[in-house]
Amino acid sequence: MAYTCQDCGQESESASTITIYDEQGVEDRLRLLCPECYEEWLYSLKG
């Protein structure tokens, strides 16, 4: 099954799901990221 990354639009055989929360800490939405975008997202959390 191919997934489409919601960040870069690339199709990938694997994907990671991240949860986006609003300012009040309530779950707002889910996003599918390809391995490359997921790695970049994780790196951005480290600062």
N, C-alpha and C. Protein backbone atom coordinates (compact mmCIF):
# COMPACT_ATOMS: atom_id res chain seq x y z
N MET A 1 0.85 -1.18 0.00
CA MET A 1 0.00 0.00 0.00
C MET A 1 0.89 1.24 0.00
N ALA A 2 0.62 2.15 -0.88
CA ALA A 2 1.39 3.39 -0.96
C ALA A 2 0.67 4.50 -0.20
N TYR A 3 1.46 5.29 0.51
CA TYR A 3 0.95 6.43 1.26
C TYR A 3 1.47 7.70 0.60
N THR A 4 0.70 8.76 0.70
CA THR A 4 1.13 10.05 0.19
C THR A 4 1.44 10.95 1.37
N CYS A 5 2.66 11.45 1.41
CA CYS A 5 3.10 12.33 2.48
C CYS A 5 2.30 13.63 2.42
N GLN A 6 1.78 14.06 3.55
CA GLN A 6 0.99 15.29 3.60
C GLN A 6 1.87 16.53 3.71
N ASP A 7 3.18 16.34 3.74
CA ASP A 7 4.10 17.47 3.79
C ASP A 7 4.69 17.75 2.41
N CYS A 8 5.30 16.72 1.81
CA CYS A 8 5.99 16.93 0.53
C CYS A 8 5.24 16.35 -0.67
N GLY A 9 4.22 15.52 -0.43
CA GLY A 9 3.44 14.95 -1.51
C GLY A 9 4.04 13.70 -2.13
N GLN A 10 5.17 13.24 -1.63
CA GLN A 10 5.85 12.05 -2.15
C GLN A 10 5.08 10.79 -1.75
N GLU A 11 5.00 9.83 -2.66
CA GLU A 11 4.42 8.53 -2.33
C GLU A 11 5.48 7.67 -1.69
N SER A 12 5.08 6.89 -0.69
CA SER A 12 6.01 6.06 0.06
C SER A 12 5.32 4.77 0.48
N GLU A 13 6.09 3.70 0.58
CA GLU A 13 5.54 2.43 1.03
C GLU A 13 5.33 2.41 2.55
N SER A 14 6.00 3.32 3.26
CA SER A 14 5.81 3.42 4.71
C SER A 14 5.55 4.88 5.06
N ALA A 15 4.88 5.07 6.18
CA ALA A 15 4.57 6.43 6.63
C ALA A 15 4.44 6.43 8.14
N SER A 16 4.68 7.59 8.73
CA SER A 16 4.50 7.78 10.17
C SER A 16 3.36 8.78 10.36
N THR A 17 2.59 8.54 11.40
CA THR A 17 1.48 9.44 11.72
C THR A 17 1.88 10.30 12.90
N ILE A 18 1.67 11.61 12.78
CA ILE A 18 1.89 12.51 13.91
C ILE A 18 0.57 13.19 14.24
N THR A 19 0.40 13.53 15.49
CA THR A 19 -0.80 14.22 15.95
C THR A 19 -0.46 15.68 16.16
N ILE A 20 -1.29 16.56 15.63
CA ILE A 20 -1.13 18.00 15.80
C ILE A 20 -2.16 18.44 16.84
N TYR A 21 -1.71 19.19 17.83
CA TYR A 21 -2.59 19.69 18.88
C TYR A 21 -2.77 21.19 18.74
N ASP A 22 -3.94 21.69 19.15
CA ASP A 22 -4.18 23.13 19.11
C ASP A 22 -3.59 23.78 20.37
N GLU A 23 -3.80 25.08 20.53
CA GLU A 23 -3.22 25.84 21.63
C GLU A 23 -3.71 25.38 23.01
N GLN A 24 -4.92 24.80 23.05
CA GLN A 24 -5.47 24.33 24.31
C GLN A 24 -5.05 22.90 24.63
N GLY A 25 -4.26 22.28 23.78
CA GLY A 25 -3.81 20.91 24.01
C GLY A 25 -4.79 19.86 23.55
N VAL A 26 -5.76 20.26 22.75
CA VAL A 26 -6.77 19.33 22.23
C VAL A 26 -6.31 18.84 20.86
N GLU A 27 -6.47 17.54 20.64
CA GLU A 27 -6.08 16.97 19.34
C GLU A 27 -6.81 17.67 18.21
N ASP A 28 -6.03 18.19 17.26
CA ASP A 28 -6.60 18.96 16.15
C ASP A 28 -6.71 18.11 14.88
N ARG A 29 -5.61 17.41 14.53
CA ARG A 29 -5.62 16.60 13.31
C ARG A 29 -4.43 15.63 13.31
N LEU A 30 -4.50 14.68 12.40
CA LEU A 30 -3.41 13.72 12.18
C LEU A 30 -2.76 14.02 10.84
N ARG A 31 -1.45 13.78 10.75
CA ARG A 31 -0.74 13.97 9.48
C ARG A 31 0.10 12.74 9.20
N LEU A 32 0.14 12.33 7.93
CA LEU A 32 0.99 11.24 7.47
C LEU A 32 2.26 11.84 6.88
N LEU A 33 3.41 11.36 7.34
CA LEU A 33 4.69 11.84 6.83
C LEU A 33 5.52 10.67 6.31
N CYS A 34 6.20 10.91 5.18
CA CYS A 34 7.13 9.91 4.65
C CYS A 34 8.34 9.85 5.59
N PRO A 35 9.18 8.83 5.48
CA PRO A 35 10.32 8.71 6.39
C PRO A 35 11.23 9.94 6.41
N GLU A 36 11.45 10.56 5.25
CA GLU A 36 12.34 11.73 5.20
C GLU A 36 11.74 12.92 5.95
N CYS A 37 10.46 13.19 5.72
CA CYS A 37 9.80 14.31 6.40
C CYS A 37 9.65 14.04 7.89
N TYR A 38 9.40 12.78 8.23
CA TYR A 38 9.30 12.42 9.65
C TYR A 38 10.63 12.65 10.35
N GLU A 39 11.72 12.28 9.70
CA GLU A 39 13.05 12.50 10.27
C GLU A 39 13.30 14.00 10.47
N GLU A 40 12.94 14.81 9.47
CA GLU A 40 13.10 16.26 9.59
C GLU A 40 12.24 16.81 10.73
N TRP A 41 11.02 16.30 10.86
CA TRP A 41 10.12 16.76 11.93
C TRP A 41 10.71 16.42 13.30
N LEU A 42 11.22 15.19 13.46
CA LEU A 42 11.84 14.82 14.72
C LEU A 42 13.04 15.71 15.03
N TYR A 43 13.85 15.97 14.04
CA TYR A 43 15.02 16.83 14.23
C TYR A 43 14.60 18.23 14.65
N SER A 44 13.50 18.74 14.10
CA SER A 44 13.04 20.08 14.44
C SER A 44 12.60 20.17 15.90
N LEU A 45 12.16 19.05 16.47
CA LEU A 45 11.75 19.05 17.87
C LEU A 45 12.94 19.20 18.81
N LYS A 46 14.10 18.71 18.37
CA LYS A 46 15.30 18.78 19.19
C LYS A 46 15.85 20.20 19.27
N GLY A 47 15.53 21.01 18.26
CA GLY A 47 15.96 22.42 18.25
C GLY A 47 17.30 22.58 17.75
